[in-house]
Protein backbone atom coordinates (compact mmCIF):
# COMPACT_ATOMS: atom_id res chain seq x y z
CA UNK A 1 -2.29 -10.76 -8.89
CA UNK A 2 0.03 -8.58 -10.95
CA UNK A 3 -0.85 -4.90 -11.22
CA UNK A 4 0.50 -2.62 -13.92
CA UNK A 5 1.17 1.08 -13.70
CA UNK A 6 -1.88 1.63 -15.90
CA UNK A 7 -4.33 0.48 -13.20
CA UNK A 8 -3.87 3.43 -10.81
CA UNK A 9 -3.66 5.83 -13.75
CA UNK A 10 -7.31 5.03 -14.47
CA UNK A 11 -8.26 7.05 -11.39
CA UNK A 12 -6.60 10.27 -12.57
CA UNK A 13 -9.44 11.51 -14.78
CA UNK A 14 -12.07 10.58 -12.18
CA UNK A 15 -10.25 12.30 -9.34
CA UNK A 16 -9.57 15.37 -11.48
CA UNK A 17 -13.25 15.68 -12.38
CA UNK A 18 -14.25 15.23 -8.75
CA UNK A 19 -11.86 17.97 -7.67
CA UNK A 20 -13.34 20.27 -10.30
CA UNK A 21 -16.85 19.51 -9.05
CA UNK A 22 -15.76 20.11 -5.45
CA UNK A 23 -14.20 23.43 -6.42
CA UNK A 24 -17.41 24.46 -8.18
CA UNK A 25 -19.39 23.62 -5.02
CA UNK A 26 -17.00 25.77 -3.00
CA UNK A 27 -17.33 28.72 -5.40
CA UNK A 28 -21.12 28.43 -5.35
CA UNK A 29 -21.09 28.35 -1.58
CA UNK A 30 -18.88 31.43 -1.45
CA UNK A 31 -21.36 33.26 -3.67
CA UNK A 32 -24.24 32.25 -1.40
CA UNK A 33 -22.32 33.59 1.60
CA UNK A 34 -21.71 36.89 -0.20
CA UNK A 35 -25.42 37.12 -1.03
CA UNK A 36 -26.42 36.40 2.57
CA UNK A 37 -24.10 39.10 3.87
CA UNK A 38 -26.10 41.66 1.87
CA UNK A 39 -29.43 40.71 3.46
CA UNK A 40 -30.51 43.18 6.10
CA UNK A 41 -34.12 42.11 6.54
CA UNK A 42 -34.74 41.98 10.31
CA UNK A 43 -37.64 39.55 9.87
CA UNK A 44 -35.29 37.02 8.28
CA UNK A 45 -32.61 37.26 10.99
CA UNK A 46 -33.34 33.81 12.48
CA UNK A 47 -33.36 32.19 9.06
CA UNK A 48 -30.13 33.91 8.08
CA UNK A 49 -28.50 32.69 11.30
CA UNK A 50 -29.59 29.11 10.51
CA UNK A 51 -28.24 29.49 6.97
CA UNK A 52 -24.89 30.72 8.33
CA UNK A 53 -24.62 27.69 10.63
CA UNK A 54 -25.48 25.45 7.70
CA UNK A 55 -22.92 27.18 5.48
CA UNK A 56 -20.16 26.82 8.08
CA UNK A 57 -20.83 23.11 8.34
CA UNK A 58 -20.86 22.78 4.55
CA UNK A 59 -17.55 24.64 4.26
CA UNK A 60 -15.95 22.21 6.70
CA UNK A 61 -17.29 19.23 4.79
CA UNK A 62 -16.17 20.63 1.44
CA UNK A 63 -12.70 21.15 2.91
CA UNK A 64 -12.72 17.49 4.02
CA UNK A 65 -13.95 16.40 0.57
CA UNK A 66 -11.13 18.29 -1.10
CA UNK A 67 -8.53 17.09 1.40
CA UNK A 68 -9.44 13.42 0.97
CA UNK A 69 -9.64 13.88 -2.82
CA UNK A 70 -6.16 15.43 -2.96
CA UNK A 71 -4.77 12.75 -0.65
CA UNK A 72 -6.32 10.10 -2.88
CA UNK A 73 -4.65 11.70 -5.90
CA UNK A 74 -1.31 11.91 -4.11
CA UNK A 75 -1.39 8.32 -2.84
CA UNK A 76 -2.49 7.12 -6.29
CA UNK A 77 0.56 8.88 -7.75
CA UNK A 78 2.76 7.19 -5.14
CA UNK A 79 1.20 3.85 -6.09
CA UNK A 80 2.14 4.45 -9.71
CA UNK A 81 5.66 5.38 -8.68
CA UNK A 82 5.98 2.23 -6.56
CA UNK A 83 4.74 0.11 -9.46
CA UNK A 84 7.17 1.92 -11.76
CA UNK A 85 10.00 0.90 -9.41
CA UNK A 86 8.76 -2.68 -9.44
CA UNK A 87 7.48 -2.63 -5.86
CA UNK A 88 4.27 -4.44 -6.72
CA UNK A 89 3.07 -5.15 -3.16
CA UNK A 90 3.70 -1.54 -2.05
CA UNK A 91 1.97 -0.24 -5.18
CA UNK A 92 -1.06 -2.44 -4.55
CA UNK A 93 -1.34 -1.31 -0.92
CA UNK A 94 -0.97 2.34 -1.89
CA UNK A 95 -3.58 1.93 -4.61
CA UNK A 96 -5.95 0.35 -2.07
CA UNK A 97 -5.37 3.28 0.31
CA UNK A 98 -6.01 5.66 -2.57
CA UNK A 99 -9.35 3.98 -3.26
CA UNK A 100 -10.31 4.18 0.43
CA UNK A 101 -9.47 7.89 0.52
CA UNK A 102 -11.58 8.39 -2.58
CA UNK A 103 -14.50 6.58 -0.94
CA UNK A 104 -14.20 8.83 2.15
CA UNK A 105 -14.19 11.88 -0.13
CA UNK A 106 -17.32 10.65 -1.91
CA UNK A 107 -19.07 9.94 1.40
CA UNK A 108 -18.28 13.48 2.53
CA UNK A 109 -19.73 14.71 -0.73
CA UNK A 110 -22.92 12.73 -0.15
CA UNK A 111 -23.22 14.21 3.36
CA UNK A 112 -22.69 17.71 1.99
CA UNK A 113 -25.50 17.17 -0.53
CA UNK A 114 -27.81 16.24 2.35
CA UNK A 115 -26.88 19.41 4.23
CA UNK A 116 -27.30 21.55 1.13
CA UNK A 117 -30.85 20.22 0.88
CA UNK A 118 -31.44 21.57 4.38
CA UNK A 119 -30.13 24.94 3.20
CA UNK A 120 -32.61 24.96 0.33
CA UNK A 121 -35.43 24.18 2.76
CA UNK A 122 -34.38 27.13 4.95
CA UNK A 123 -34.44 29.38 1.89
CA UNK A 124 -37.89 28.08 0.98
CA UNK A 125 -39.04 28.99 4.51
CA UNK A 126 -37.79 32.54 3.97
CA UNK A 127 -39.55 32.79 0.63
CA UNK A 128 -42.75 31.37 2.16
CA UNK A 129 -42.76 34.12 4.78
CA UNK A 130 -42.50 36.85 2.17
């Protein structure tokens, strides 16, 4: 099967949008951390500690999401370059690796969404105690 340079280029908009979404998640998380640091309610100390643990885990996952997304982008670019040089087999392999990296990034994103749901439940507990 012959692959043109246009095939990997189809991923560029998708990966760019994903990276933007991941960055927005990171910024939102940073704002939540700033908000938590201002809480001084002694009755919420246990909940705040659980939130901090949750936030640390989410930061690690977001870093992984971004890392795999950037690697996918980079390998996709290398696939295009290989196809440009006429190295069809290398380009196809690199494109396949790029797709796998993108899948890993998306799976990390799915996991982070699950953890963020836990964070919302912790916040609901805090509100319920008020």
